[in-house]
């Protein structure tokens, strides 16, 4: 195991003092988040998954809409998919967005059921 010395702002150092035994885990999670944020094709996805992981209320789930940037990217990939012009990396990205949409649809359907609303009906 290696030792690393860091210079941190006092406020951050204070928050970490109670987590000293978990610092390797905290750093690993932080590095994963940074890598995910820089990988092509993950823009917007992390935000949606973090939102769902926060256990929002049924109403908050029904109000969930993609960011303008995410919406534009999905539309761009949709058009390329329809015309058969997706590159392999874009195809992977498109599949991730389709899976994400599937998860959101499931969440919205369950939210409708909890609220006593017919899924697919205007809320």
PDB file of N, CA and C in Angstrom:
ATOM      1  N   UNK A   1       0.855  -1.166   0.000  1.00  0.00           N
ATOM      2  CA  UNK A   1       0.000   0.000   0.000  1.00  0.00           C
ATOM      3  C   UNK A   1       0.904   1.233   0.000  1.00  0.00           C
ATOM      4  N   UNK A   2       0.499   2.271  -0.720  1.00  0.00           N
ATOM      5  CA  UNK A   2       1.266   3.508  -0.821  1.00  0.00           C
ATOM      6  C   UNK A   2       0.638   4.596   0.024  1.00  0.00           C
ATOM      7  N   UNK A   3       1.477   5.526   0.465  1.00  0.00           N
ATOM      8  CA  UNK A   3       1.009   6.683   1.222  1.00  0.00           C
ATOM      9  C   UNK A   3       1.020   7.894   0.307  1.00  0.00           C
ATOM     10  N   UNK A   4      -0.016   8.711   0.398  1.00  0.00           N
ATOM     11  CA  UNK A   4      -0.134   9.931  -0.403  1.00  0.00           C
ATOM     12  C   UNK A   4      -0.462  11.076   0.550  1.00  0.00           C
ATOM     13  N   UNK A   5       0.230  12.193   0.356  1.00  0.00           N
ATOM     14  CA  UNK A   5      -0.056  13.394   1.145  1.00  0.00           C
ATOM     15  C   UNK A   5      -0.804  14.371   0.252  1.00  0.00           C
ATOM     16  N   UNK A   6      -1.919  14.893   0.760  1.00  0.00           N
ATOM     17  CA  UNK A   6      -2.742  15.818  -0.009  1.00  0.00           C
ATOM     18  C   UNK A   6      -2.877  17.142   0.715  1.00  0.00           C
ATOM     19  N   UNK A   7      -2.954  18.208  -0.037  1.00  0.00           N
ATOM     20  CA  UNK A   7      -3.319  19.513   0.502  1.00  0.00           C
ATOM     21  C   UNK A   7      -4.772  19.754   0.132  1.00  0.00           C
ATOM     22  N   UNK A   8      -5.621  19.865   1.138  1.00  0.00           N
ATOM     23  CA  UNK A   8      -7.055  20.026   0.920  1.00  0.00           C
ATOM     24  C   UNK A   8      -7.553  21.288   1.595  1.00  0.00           C
ATOM     25  N   UNK A   9      -8.638  21.861   1.071  1.00  0.00           N
ATOM     26  CA  UNK A   9      -9.272  22.974   1.790  1.00  0.00           C
ATOM     27  C   UNK A   9      -9.708  22.482   3.174  1.00  0.00           C
ATOM     28  N   UNK A  10      -9.643  23.364   4.151  1.00  0.00           N
ATOM     29  CA  UNK A  10      -9.976  22.990   5.530  1.00  0.00           C
ATOM     30  C   UNK A  10     -11.368  22.377   5.634  1.00  0.00           C
ATOM     31  N   UNK A  11     -12.332  22.927   4.916  1.00  0.00           N
ATOM     32  CA  UNK A  11     -13.704  22.414   5.020  1.00  0.00           C
ATOM     33  C   UNK A  11     -13.801  20.975   4.531  1.00  0.00           C
ATOM     34  N   UNK A  12     -13.088  20.653   3.453  1.00  0.00           N
ATOM     35  CA  UNK A  12     -13.105  19.279   2.942  1.00  0.00           C
ATOM     36  C   UNK A  12     -12.358  18.352   3.887  1.00  0.00           C
ATOM     37  N   UNK A  13     -11.223  18.794   4.388  1.00  0.00           N
ATOM     38  CA  UNK A  13     -10.454  17.982   5.331  1.00  0.00           C
ATOM     39  C   UNK A  13     -11.289  17.647   6.561  1.00  0.00           C
ATOM     40  N   UNK A  14     -12.038  18.599   7.038  1.00  0.00           N
ATOM     41  CA  UNK A  14     -12.883  18.368   8.213  1.00  0.00           C
ATOM     42  C   UNK A  14     -13.955  17.319   7.918  1.00  0.00           C
ATOM     43  N   UNK A  15     -14.555  17.393   6.752  1.00  0.00           N
ATOM     44  CA  UNK A  15     -15.579  16.411   6.383  1.00  0.00           C
ATOM     45  C   UNK A  15     -14.991  15.018   6.250  1.00  0.00           C
ATOM     46  N   UNK A  16     -13.742  14.926   5.812  1.00  0.00           N
ATOM     47  CA  UNK A  16     -13.109  13.628   5.615  1.00  0.00           C
ATOM     48  C   UNK A  16     -12.565  13.011   6.905  1.00  0.00           C
ATOM     49  N   UNK A  17     -12.358  13.820   7.927  1.00  0.00           N
ATOM     50  CA  UNK A  17     -11.796  13.298   9.182  1.00  0.00           C
ATOM     51  C   UNK A  17     -12.632  12.154   9.754  1.00  0.00           C
ATOM     52  N   UNK A  18     -13.921  12.235   9.655  1.00  0.00           N
ATOM     53  CA  UNK A  18     -14.792  11.182  10.180  1.00  0.00           C
ATOM     54  C   UNK A  18     -14.890   9.973   9.238  1.00  0.00           C
ATOM     55  N   UNK A  19     -14.255  10.070   8.094  1.00  0.00           N
ATOM     56  CA  UNK A  19     -14.345   8.999   7.090  1.00  0.00           C
ATOM     57  C   UNK A  19     -12.973   8.404   6.771  1.00  0.00           C
ATOM     58  N   UNK A  20     -11.997   8.607   7.643  1.00  0.00           N
ATOM     59  CA  UNK A  20     -10.622   8.184   7.345  1.00  0.00           C
ATOM     60  C   UNK A  20     -10.533   6.714   6.949  1.00  0.00           C
ATOM     61  N   UNK A  21     -11.280   5.852   7.598  1.00  0.00           N
ATOM     62  CA  UNK A  21     -11.212   4.425   7.284  1.00  0.00           C
ATOM     63  C   UNK A  21     -11.836   4.099   5.922  1.00  0.00           C
ATOM     64  N   UNK A  22     -12.591   5.034   5.370  1.00  0.00           N
ATOM     65  CA  UNK A  22     -13.252   4.804   4.079  1.00  0.00           C
ATOM     66  C   UNK A  22     -12.619   5.606   2.938  1.00  0.00           C
ATOM     67  N   UNK A  23     -11.484   6.287   3.199  1.00  0.00           N
ATOM     68  CA  UNK A  23     -10.876   7.123   2.160  1.00  0.00           C
ATOM     69  C   UNK A  23     -10.546   6.356   0.876  1.00  0.00           C
ATOM     70  N   UNK A  24      -9.997   5.146   0.932  1.00  0.00           N
ATOM     71  CA  UNK A  24      -9.754   4.434  -0.338  1.00  0.00           C
ATOM     72  C   UNK A  24     -11.049   4.217  -1.138  1.00  0.00           C
ATOM     73  N   UNK A  25     -12.118   3.859  -0.449  1.00  0.00           N
ATOM     74  CA  UNK A  25     -13.405   3.654  -1.114  1.00  0.00           C
ATOM     75  C   UNK A  25     -13.927   4.964  -1.709  1.00  0.00           C
ATOM     76  N   UNK A  26     -13.812   6.048  -0.959  1.00  0.00           N
ATOM     77  CA  UNK A  26     -14.272   7.364  -1.427  1.00  0.00           C
ATOM     78  C   UNK A  26     -13.503   7.784  -2.673  1.00  0.00           C
ATOM     79  N   UNK A  27     -12.196   7.593  -2.639  1.00  0.00           N
ATOM     80  CA  UNK A  27     -11.375   7.952  -3.801  1.00  0.00           C
ATOM     81  C   UNK A  27     -11.705   7.080  -5.014  1.00  0.00           C
ATOM     82  N   UNK A  28     -11.905   5.789  -4.796  1.00  0.00           N
ATOM     83  CA  UNK A  28     -12.251   4.886  -5.897  1.00  0.00           C
ATOM     84  C   UNK A  28     -13.575   5.291  -6.532  1.00  0.00           C
ATOM     85  N   UNK A  29     -14.574   5.584  -5.716  1.00  0.00           N
ATOM     86  CA  UNK A  29     -15.876   6.011  -6.245  1.00  0.00           C
ATOM     87  C   UNK A  29     -15.750   7.329  -7.006  1.00  0.00           C
ATOM     88  N   UNK A  30     -14.960   8.230  -6.468  1.00  0.00           N
ATOM     89  CA  UNK A  30     -14.746   9.512  -7.148  1.00  0.00           C
ATOM     90  C   UNK A  30     -14.072   9.338  -8.493  1.00  0.00           C
ATOM     91  N   UNK A  31     -13.074   8.465  -8.544  1.00  0.00           N
ATOM     92  CA  UNK A  31     -12.399   8.207  -9.815  1.00  0.00           C
ATOM     93  C   UNK A  31     -13.331   7.558 -10.829  1.00  0.00           C
ATOM     94  N   UNK A  32     -14.175   6.645 -10.381  1.00  0.00           N
ATOM     95  CA  UNK A  32     -15.155   6.028 -11.291  1.00  0.00           C
ATOM     96  C   UNK A  32     -16.092   7.087 -11.862  1.00  0.00           C
ATOM     97  N   UNK A  33     -16.539   7.982 -10.995  1.00  0.00           N
ATOM     98  CA  UNK A  33     -17.447   9.050 -11.443  1.00  0.00           C
ATOM     99  C   UNK A  33     -16.766   9.933 -12.478  1.00  0.00           C
ATOM    100  N   UNK A  34     -15.510  10.272 -12.236  1.00  0.00           N
ATOM    101  CA  UNK A  34     -14.774  11.091 -13.201  1.00  0.00           C
ATOM    102  C   UNK A  34     -14.626  10.372 -14.534  1.00  0.00           C
ATOM    103  N   UNK A  35     -14.294   9.086 -14.495  1.00  0.00           N
ATOM    104  CA  UNK A  35     -14.155   8.322 -15.741  1.00  0.00           C
ATOM    105  C   UNK A  35     -15.484   8.232 -16.475  1.00  0.00           C
ATOM    106  N   UNK A  36     -16.558   7.988 -15.752  1.00  0.00           N
ATOM    107  CA  UNK A  36     -17.882   7.887 -16.388  1.00  0.00           C
ATOM    108  C   UNK A  36     -18.262   9.207 -17.022  1.00  0.00           C
ATOM    109  N   UNK A  37     -17.915  10.310 -16.378  1.00  0.00           N
ATOM    110  CA  UNK A  37     -18.251  11.628 -16.898  1.00  0.00           C
ATOM    111  C   UNK A  37     -17.489  11.985 -18.156  1.00  0.00           C
ATOM    112  N   UNK A  38     -16.330  11.350 -18.369  1.00  0.00           N
ATOM    113  CA  UNK A  38     -15.536  11.669 -19.551  1.00  0.00           C
ATOM    114  C   UNK A  38     -15.700  10.651 -20.666  1.00  0.00           C
ATOM    115  N   UNK A  39     -16.408   9.547 -20.412  1.00  0.00           N
ATOM    116  CA  UNK A  39     -16.605   8.554 -21.450  1.00  0.00           C
ATOM    117  C   UNK A  39     -17.639   9.045 -22.446  1.00  0.00           C
ATOM    118  N   UNK A  40     -17.341   8.806 -23.706  1.00  0.00           N
ATOM    119  CA  UNK A  40     -18.265   9.184 -24.768  1.00  0.00           C
ATOM    120  C   UNK A  40     -19.567   8.412 -24.600  1.00  0.00           C
ATOM    121  N   UNK A  41     -20.686   9.101 -24.684  1.00  0.00           N
ATOM    122  CA  UNK A  41     -21.957   8.418 -24.669  1.00  0.00           C
ATOM    123  C   UNK A  41     -22.643   8.366 -23.324  1.00  0.00           C
ATOM    124  N   UNK A  42     -22.052   8.935 -22.295  1.00  0.00           N
ATOM    125  CA  UNK A  42     -22.671   8.880 -20.988  1.00  0.00           C
ATOM    126  C   UNK A  42     -23.245  10.216 -20.557  1.00  0.00           C
ATOM    127  N   UNK A  43     -23.172  11.232 -21.380  1.00  0.00           N
ATOM    128  CA  UNK A  43     -23.704  12.534 -21.008  1.00  0.00           C
ATOM    129  C   UNK A  43     -25.194  12.434 -20.730  1.00  0.00           C
ATOM    130  N   UNK A  44     -25.611  12.941 -19.606  1.00  0.00           N
ATOM    131  CA  UNK A  44     -27.020  12.942 -19.254  1.00  0.00           C
ATOM    132  C   UNK A  44     -27.476  11.670 -18.570  1.00  0.00           C
ATOM    133  N   UNK A  45     -26.865  10.558 -18.880  1.00  0.00           N
ATOM    134  CA  UNK A  45     -27.266   9.282 -18.309  1.00  0.00           C
ATOM    135  C   UNK A  45     -27.048   9.256 -16.804  1.00  0.00           C
ATOM    136  N   UNK A  46     -25.879   9.689 -16.367  1.00  0.00           N
ATOM    137  CA  UNK A  46     -25.570   9.671 -14.930  1.00  0.00           C
ATOM    138  C   UNK A  46     -26.570  10.511 -14.154  1.00  0.00           C
ATOM    139  N   UNK A  47     -26.971  11.634 -14.708  1.00  0.00           N
ATOM    140  CA  UNK A  47     -27.932  12.503 -14.020  1.00  0.00           C
ATOM    141  C   UNK A  47     -29.261  11.785 -13.819  1.00  0.00           C
ATOM    142  N   UNK A  48     -29.725  11.092 -14.821  1.00  0.00           N
ATOM    143  CA  UNK A  48     -31.009  10.387 -14.721  1.00  0.00           C
ATOM    144  C   UNK A  48     -30.905   9.255 -13.709  1.00  0.00           C
ATOM    145  N   UNK A  49     -29.823   8.497 -13.764  1.00  0.00           N
ATOM    146  CA  UNK A  49     -29.666   7.389 -12.834  1.00  0.00           C
ATOM    147  C   UNK A  49     -29.523   7.883 -11.393  1.00  0.00           C
ATOM    148  N   UNK A  50     -28.794   8.978 -11.202  1.00  0.00           N
ATOM    149  CA  UNK A  50     -28.677   9.561  -9.858  1.00  0.00           C
ATOM    150  C   UNK A  50     -30.047  10.017  -9.359  1.00  0.00           C
ATOM    151  N   UNK A  51     -30.831  10.605 -10.239  1.00  0.00           N
ATOM    152  CA  UNK A  51     -32.178  11.048  -9.873  1.00  0.00           C
ATOM    153  C   UNK A  51     -33.014   9.855  -9.406  1.00  0.00           C
ATOM    154  N   UNK A  52     -33.011   8.776 -10.198  1.00  0.00           N
ATOM    155  CA  UNK A  52     -33.798   7.599  -9.843  1.00  0.00           C
ATOM    156  C   UNK A  52     -33.263   6.927  -8.574  1.00  0.00           C
ATOM    157  N   UNK A  53     -31.952   6.934  -8.403  1.00  0.00           N
ATOM    158  CA  UNK A  53     -31.358   6.342  -7.206  1.00  0.00           C
ATOM    159  C   UNK A  53     -31.727   7.125  -5.948  1.00  0.00           C
ATOM    160  N   UNK A  54     -32.105   8.386  -6.105  1.00  0.00           N
ATOM    161  CA  UNK A  54     -32.513   9.213  -4.974  1.00  0.00           C
ATOM    162  C   UNK A  54     -33.924   8.921  -4.487  1.00  0.00           C
ATOM    163  N   UNK A  55     -34.572   7.922  -5.064  1.00  0.00           N
ATOM    164  CA  UNK A  55     -35.926   7.521  -4.696  1.00  0.00           C
ATOM    165  C   UNK A  55     -36.905   8.698  -4.702  1.00  0.00           C
ATOM    166  N   UNK A  56     -37.076   9.310  -5.862  1.00  0.00           N
ATOM    167  CA  UNK A  56     -38.006  10.442  -5.963  1.00  0.00           C
ATOM    168  C   UNK A  56     -39.450  10.008  -5.762  1.00  0.00           C
ATOM    169  N   UNK A  57     -40.295  10.977  -5.502  1.00  0.00           N
ATOM    170  CA  UNK A  57     -41.719  10.695  -5.340  1.00  0.00           C
ATOM    171  C   UNK A  57     -42.317  10.341  -6.712  1.00  0.00           C
ATOM    172  N   UNK A  58     -43.475   9.687  -6.722  1.00  0.00           N
ATOM    173  CA  UNK A  58     -44.114   9.372  -8.011  1.00  0.00           C
ATOM    174  C   UNK A  58     -44.330  10.617  -8.880  1.00  0.00           C
ATOM    175  N   UNK A  59     -44.711  11.721  -8.259  1.00  0.00           N
ATOM    176  CA  UNK A  59     -44.928  12.956  -9.025  1.00  0.00           C
ATOM    177  C   UNK A  59     -43.626  13.455  -9.637  1.00  0.00           C
ATOM    178  N   UNK A  60     -42.547  13.383  -8.876  1.00  0.00           N
ATOM    179  CA  UNK A  60     -41.238  13.813  -9.406  1.00  0.00           C
ATOM    180  C   UNK A  60     -40.822  12.928 -10.574  1.00  0.00           C
ATOM    181  N   UNK A  61     -41.113  11.650 -10.485  1.00  0.00           N
ATOM    182  CA  UNK A  61     -40.776  10.736 -11.585  1.00  0.00           C
ATOM    183  C   UNK A  61     -41.572  11.101 -12.833  1.00  0.00           C
ATOM    184  N   UNK A  62     -42.865  11.373 -12.663  1.00  0.00           N
ATOM    185  CA  UNK A  62     -43.691  11.724 -13.819  1.00  0.00           C
ATOM    186  C   UNK A  62     -43.264  13.049 -14.441  1.00  0.00           C
ATOM    187  N   UNK A  63     -42.698  13.932 -13.640  1.00  0.00           N
ATOM    188  CA  UNK A  63     -42.229  15.224 -14.150  1.00  0.00           C
ATOM    189  C   UNK A  63     -40.856  15.147 -14.813  1.00  0.00           C
ATOM    190  N   UNK A  64     -40.189  14.003 -14.708  1.00  0.00           N
ATOM    191  CA  UNK A  64     -38.844  13.850 -15.251  1.00  0.00           C
ATOM    192  C   UNK A  64     -38.846  14.020 -16.766  1.00  0.00           C
ATOM    193  N   UNK A  65     -38.002  14.911 -17.241  1.00  0.00           N
ATOM    194  CA  UNK A  65     -37.829  15.159 -18.672  1.00  0.00           C
ATOM    195  C   UNK A  65     -36.335  15.196 -18.977  1.00  0.00           C
ATOM    196  N   UNK A  66     -35.931  14.803 -20.157  1.00  0.00           N
ATOM    197  CA  UNK A  66     -34.502  14.877 -20.495  1.00  0.00           C
ATOM    198  C   UNK A  66     -34.056  16.331 -20.624  1.00  0.00           C
ATOM    199  N   UNK A  67     -32.779  16.556 -20.326  1.00  0.00           N
ATOM    200  CA  UNK A  67     -32.224  17.888 -20.550  1.00  0.00           C
ATOM    201  C   UNK A  67     -32.258  18.176 -22.050  1.00  0.00           C
ATOM    202  N   UNK A  68     -32.168  19.436 -22.411  1.00  0.00           N
ATOM    203  CA  UNK A  68     -32.186  19.805 -23.832  1.00  0.00           C
ATOM    204  C   UNK A  68     -31.021  19.152 -24.568  1.00  0.00           C
ATOM    205  N   UNK A  69     -29.868  19.126 -23.922  1.00  0.00           N
ATOM    206  CA  UNK A  69     -28.688  18.519 -24.540  1.00  0.00           C
ATOM    207  C   UNK A  69     -28.911  17.022 -24.785  1.00  0.00           C
ATOM    208  N   UNK A  70     -29.427  16.321 -23.786  1.00  0.00           N
ATOM    209  CA  UNK A  70     -29.693  14.896 -23.928  1.00  0.00           C
ATOM    210  C   UNK A  70     -30.751  14.654 -25.002  1.00  0.00           C
ATOM    211  N   UNK A  71     -31.792  15.464 -24.993  1.00  0.00           N
ATOM    212  CA  UNK A  71     -32.854  15.328 -25.997  1.00  0.00           C
ATOM    213  C   UNK A  71     -32.287  15.494 -27.412  1.00  0.00           C
ATOM    214  N   UNK A  72     -31.457  16.504 -27.597  1.00  0.00           N
ATOM    215  CA  UNK A  72     -30.871  16.755 -28.926  1.00  0.00           C
ATOM    216  C   UNK A  72     -29.987  15.587 -29.364  1.00  0.00           C
ATOM    217  N   UNK A  73     -29.191  15.059 -28.417  1.00  0.00           N
ATOM    218  CA  UNK A  73     -28.301  13.949 -28.762  1.00  0.00           C
ATOM    219  C   UNK A  73     -29.108  12.704 -29.136  1.00  0.00           C
ATOM    220  N   UNK A  74     -30.155  12.416 -28.395  1.00  0.00           N
ATOM    221  CA  UNK A  74     -30.994  11.259 -28.696  1.00  0.00           C
ATOM    222  C   UNK A  74     -31.651  11.432 -30.060  1.00  0.00           C
ATOM    223  N   UNK A  75     -32.122  12.638 -30.369  1.00  0.00           N
ATOM    224  CA  UNK A  75     -32.734  12.883 -31.676  1.00  0.00           C
ATOM    225  C   UNK A  75     -31.722  12.675 -32.806  1.00  0.00           C
ATOM    226  N   UNK A  76     -30.502  13.136 -32.576  1.00  0.00           N
ATOM    227  CA  UNK A  76     -29.446  12.969 -33.576  1.00  0.00           C
ATOM    228  C   UNK A  76     -29.168  11.484 -33.813  1.00  0.00           C
ATOM    229  N   UNK A  77     -29.046  10.729 -32.730  1.00  0.00           N
ATOM    230  CA  UNK A  77     -28.791   9.294 -32.864  1.00  0.00           C
ATOM    231  C   UNK A  77     -29.983   8.575 -33.485  1.00  0.00           C
ATOM    232  N   UNK A  78     -31.191   9.004 -33.169  1.00  0.00           N
ATOM    233  CA  UNK A  78     -32.391   8.410 -33.748  1.00  0.00           C
ATOM    234  C   UNK A  78     -32.387   8.570 -35.266  1.00  0.00           C
ATOM    235  N   UNK A  79     -32.083   9.774 -35.724  1.00  0.00           N
ATOM    236  CA  UNK A  79     -32.041  10.018 -37.172  1.00  0.00           C
ATOM    237  C   UNK A  79     -30.968   9.167 -37.845  1.00  0.00           C
ATOM    238  N   UNK A  80     -29.794   9.092 -37.221  1.00  0.00           N
ATOM    239  CA  UNK A  80     -28.724   8.276 -37.793  1.00  0.00           C
ATOM    240  C   UNK A  80     -29.114   6.799 -37.794  1.00  0.00           C
ATOM    241  N   UNK A  81     -29.793   6.364 -36.741  1.00  0.00           N
ATOM    242  CA  UNK A  81     -30.229   4.968 -36.657  1.00  0.00           C
ATOM    243  C   UNK A  81     -31.223   4.653 -37.763  1.00  0.00           C
ATOM    244  N   UNK A  82     -32.163   5.553 -37.977  1.00  0.00           N
ATOM    245  CA  UNK A  82     -33.182   5.349 -39.028  1.00  0.00           C
ATOM    246  C   UNK A  82     -32.562   5.264 -40.411  1.00  0.00           C
ATOM    247  N   UNK A  83     -31.488   6.038 -40.623  1.00  0.00           N
ATOM    248  CA  UNK A  83     -30.850   6.043 -41.938  1.00  0.00           C
ATOM    249  C   UNK A  83     -29.733   5.010 -42.053  1.00  0.00           C
ATOM    250  N   UNK A  84     -29.475   4.286 -40.951  1.00  0.00           N
ATOM    251  CA  UNK A  84     -28.449   3.243 -40.980  1.00  0.00           C
ATOM    252  C   UNK A  84     -27.034   3.778 -40.985  1.00  0.00           C
ATOM    253  N   UNK A  85     -26.837   4.994 -40.481  1.00  0.00           N
ATOM    254  CA  UNK A  85     -25.519   5.625 -40.514  1.00  0.00           C
ATOM    255  C   UNK A  85     -24.829   5.715 -39.156  1.00  0.00           C
ATOM    256  N   UNK A  86     -25.202   4.854 -38.225  1.00  0.00           N
ATOM    257  CA  UNK A  86     -24.554   4.884 -36.910  1.00  0.00           C
ATOM    258  C   UNK A  86     -23.188   4.206 -36.980  1.00  0.00           C
ATOM    259  N   UNK A  87     -22.191   4.866 -36.416  1.00  0.00           N
ATOM    260  CA  UNK A  87     -20.879   4.250 -36.254  1.00  0.00           C
ATOM    261  C   UNK A  87     -20.968   3.297 -35.065  1.00  0.00           C
ATOM    262  N   UNK A  88     -20.050   2.349 -34.933  1.00  0.00           N
ATOM    263  CA  UNK A  88     -20.125   1.387 -33.826  1.00  0.00           C
ATOM    264  C   UNK A  88     -20.223   2.041 -32.435  1.00  0.00           C
ATOM    265  N   UNK A  89     -19.469   3.100 -32.186  1.00  0.00           N
ATOM    266  CA  UNK A  89     -19.544   3.775 -30.877  1.00  0.00           C
ATOM    267  C   UNK A  89     -20.899   4.443 -30.692  1.00  0.00           C
ATOM    268  N   UNK A  90     -21.430   4.988 -31.772  1.00  0.00           N
ATOM    269  CA  UNK A  90     -22.760   5.607 -31.693  1.00  0.00           C
ATOM    270  C   UNK A  90     -23.832   4.549 -31.465  1.00  0.00           C
ATOM    271  N   UNK A  91     -23.641   3.384 -32.050  1.00  0.00           N
ATOM    272  CA  UNK A  91     -24.594   2.290 -31.841  1.00  0.00           C
ATOM    273  C   UNK A  91     -24.619   1.888 -30.369  1.00  0.00           C
ATOM    274  N   UNK A  92     -23.455   1.801 -29.747  1.00  0.00           N
ATOM    275  CA  UNK A  92     -23.383   1.486 -28.316  1.00  0.00           C
ATOM    276  C   UNK A  92     -24.073   2.576 -27.495  1.00  0.00           C
ATOM    277  N   UNK A  93     -23.794   3.825 -27.863  1.00  0.00           N
ATOM    278  CA  UNK A  93     -24.415   4.950 -27.169  1.00  0.00           C
ATOM    279  C   UNK A  93     -25.933   4.894 -27.332  1.00  0.00           C
ATOM    280  N   UNK A  94     -26.408   4.620 -28.527  1.00  0.00           N
ATOM    281  CA  UNK A  94     -27.836   4.538 -28.820  1.00  0.00           C
ATOM    282  C   UNK A  94     -28.485   3.437 -27.977  1.00  0.00           C
ATOM    283  N   UNK A  95     -27.820   2.296 -27.886  1.00  0.00           N
ATOM    284  CA  UNK A  95     -28.356   1.192 -27.088  1.00  0.00           C
ATOM    285  C   UNK A  95     -28.439   1.572 -25.608  1.00  0.00           C
ATOM    286  N   UNK A  96     -27.443   2.310 -25.106  1.00  0.00           N
ATOM    287  CA  UNK A  96     -27.492   2.753 -23.703  1.00  0.00           C
ATOM    288  C   UNK A  96     -28.666   3.687 -23.482  1.00  0.00           C
ATOM    289  N   UNK A  97     -28.906   4.603 -24.418  1.00  0.00           N
ATOM    290  CA  UNK A  97     -30.036   5.520 -24.274  1.00  0.00           C
ATOM    291  C   UNK A  97     -31.370   4.779 -24.361  1.00  0.00           C
ATOM    292  N   UNK A  98     -31.448   3.772 -25.211  1.00  0.00           N
ATOM    293  CA  UNK A  98     -32.674   2.982 -25.292  1.00  0.00           C
ATOM    294  C   UNK A  98     -32.927   2.256 -23.978  1.00  0.00           C
ATOM    295  N   UNK A  99     -31.875   1.704 -23.381  1.00  0.00           N
ATOM    296  CA  UNK A  99     -32.029   1.029 -22.102  1.00  0.00           C
ATOM    297  C   UNK A  99     -32.432   2.022 -21.018  1.00  0.00           C
ATOM    298  N   UNK A 100     -31.814   3.202 -21.022  1.00  0.00           N
ATOM    299  CA  UNK A 100     -32.162   4.237 -20.051  1.00  0.00           C
ATOM    300  C   UNK A 100     -33.628   4.634 -20.210  1.00  0.00           C
ATOM    301  N   UNK A 101     -34.087   4.788 -21.441  1.00  0.00           N
ATOM    302  CA  UNK A 101     -35.492   5.130 -21.675  1.00  0.00           C
ATOM    303  C   UNK A 101     -36.405   4.025 -21.147  1.00  0.00           C
ATOM    304  N   UNK A 102     -35.989   2.788 -21.334  1.00  0.00           N
ATOM    305  CA  UNK A 102     -36.765   1.654 -20.823  1.00  0.00           C
ATOM    306  C   UNK A 102     -36.897   1.752 -19.295  1.00  0.00           C
ATOM    307  N   UNK A 103     -35.802   2.048 -18.604  1.00  0.00           N
ATOM    308  CA  UNK A 103     -35.840   2.192 -17.151  1.00  0.00           C
ATOM    309  C   UNK A 103     -36.763   3.328 -16.725  1.00  0.00           C
ATOM    310  N   UNK A 104     -36.685   4.437 -17.430  1.00  0.00           N
ATOM    311  CA  UNK A 104     -37.530   5.589 -17.088  1.00  0.00           C
ATOM    312  C   UNK A 104     -38.997   5.246 -17.335  1.00  0.00           C
ATOM    313  N   UNK A 105     -39.295   4.539 -18.412  1.00  0.00           N
ATOM    314  CA  UNK A 105     -40.686   4.141 -18.686  1.00  0.00           C
ATOM    315  C   UNK A 105     -41.234   3.237 -17.583  1.00  0.00           C
ATOM    316  N   UNK A 106     -40.401   2.307 -17.127  1.00  0.00           N
ATOM    317  CA  UNK A 106     -40.823   1.436 -16.023  1.00  0.00           C
ATOM    318  C   UNK A 106     -41.100   2.267 -14.783  1.00  0.00           C
ATOM    319  N   UNK A 107     -40.188   3.195 -14.473  1.00  0.00           N
ATOM    320  CA  UNK A 107     -40.366   4.047 -13.293  1.00  0.00           C
ATOM    321  C   UNK A 107     -41.632   4.882 -13.417  1.00  0.00           C
ATOM    322  N   UNK A 108     -41.885   5.419 -14.600  1.00  0.00           N
ATOM    323  CA  UNK A 108     -43.083   6.243 -14.787  1.00  0.00           C
ATOM    324  C   UNK A 108     -44.355   5.403 -14.717  1.00  0.00           C
ATOM    325  N   UNK A 109     -44.312   4.192 -15.232  1.00  0.00           N
ATOM    326  CA  UNK A 109     -45.480   3.312 -15.138  1.00  0.00           C
ATOM    327  C   UNK A 109     -45.783   2.987 -13.683  1.00  0.00           C
ATOM    328  N   UNK A 110     -44.757   2.663 -12.913  1.00  0.00           N
ATOM    329  CA  UNK A 110     -44.955   2.361 -11.488  1.00  0.00           C
ATOM    330  C   UNK A 110     -45.437   3.600 -10.736  1.00  0.00           C
ATOM    331  N   UNK A 111     -44.952   4.774 -11.127  1.00  0.00           N
ATOM    332  CA  UNK A 111     -45.406   6.018 -10.492  1.00  0.00           C
ATOM    333  C   UNK A 111     -46.893   6.240 -10.775  1.00  0.00           C
ATOM    334  N   UNK A 112     -47.318   5.968 -12.003  1.00  0.00           N
ATOM    335  CA  UNK A 112     -48.735   6.102 -12.352  1.00  0.00           C
ATOM    336  C   UNK A 112     -49.590   5.169 -11.510  1.00  0.00           C
ATOM    337  N   UNK A 113     -49.134   3.939 -11.373  1.00  0.00           N
ATOM    338  CA  UNK A 113     -49.890   2.959 -10.583  1.00  0.00           C
ATOM    339  C   UNK A 113     -50.015   3.433  -9.141  1.00  0.00           C
ATOM    340  N   UNK A 114     -48.927   3.936  -8.569  1.00  0.00           N
ATOM    341  CA  UNK A 114     -48.968   4.422  -7.185  1.00  0.00           C
ATOM    342  C   UNK A 114     -49.927   5.592  -7.020  1.00  0.00           C
ATOM    343  N   UNK A 115     -50.026   6.413  -8.072  1.00  0.00           N
ATOM    344  CA  UNK A 115     -50.909   7.580  -8.009  1.00  0.00           C
ATOM    345  C   UNK A 115     -52.320   7.270  -8.486  1.00  0.00           C
ATOM    346  N   UNK A 116     -52.562   6.047  -8.922  1.00  0.00           N
ATOM    347  CA  UNK A 116     -53.888   5.680  -9.401  1.00  0.00           C
ATOM    348  C   UNK A 116     -54.218   6.274 -10.749  1.00  0.00           C
ATOM    349  N   UNK A 117     -53.212   6.522 -11.547  1.00  0.00           N
ATOM    350  CA  UNK A 117     -53.380   7.089 -12.889  1.00  0.00           C
ATOM    351  C   UNK A 117     -53.166   5.975 -13.911  1.00  0.00           C
ATOM    352  N   UNK A 118     -53.948   5.971 -14.943  1.00  0.00           N
ATOM    353  CA  UNK A 118     -53.778   5.003 -16.023  1.00  0.00           C
ATOM    354  C   UNK A 118     -52.456   5.306 -16.732  1.00  0.00           C
ATOM    355  N   UNK A 119     -51.489   4.364 -16.750  1.00  0.00           N
ATOM    356  CA  UNK A 119     -50.222   4.621 -17.457  1.00  0.00           C
ATOM    357  C   UNK A 119     -50.483   5.030 -18.897  1.00  0.00           C
ATOM    358  N   UNK A 120     -49.763   6.048 -19.331  1.00  0.00           N
ATOM    359  CA  UNK A 120     -49.928   6.562 -20.678  1.00  0.00           C
ATOM    360  C   UNK A 120     -50.934   7.652 -20.802  1.00  0.00           C
ATOM    361  N   UNK A 121     -51.773   7.848 -19.767  1.00  0.00           N
ATOM    362  CA  UNK A 121     -52.764   8.932 -19.781  1.00  0.00           C
ATOM    363  C   UNK A 121     -52.085  10.226 -19.360  1.00  0.00           C
ATOM    364  N   UNK A 122     -52.611  11.333 -19.799  1.00  0.00           N
ATOM    365  CA  UNK A 122     -52.066  12.621 -19.389  1.00  0.00           C
ATOM    366  C   UNK A 122     -52.335  12.811 -17.910  1.00  0.00           C
ATOM    367  N   UNK A 123     -51.259  13.104 -17.178  1.00  0.00           N
ATOM    368  CA  UNK A 123     -51.379  13.274 -15.716  1.00  0.00           C
ATOM    369  C   UNK A 123     -51.861  14.652 -15.367  1.00  0.00           C
TER     370      UNK A 123
END
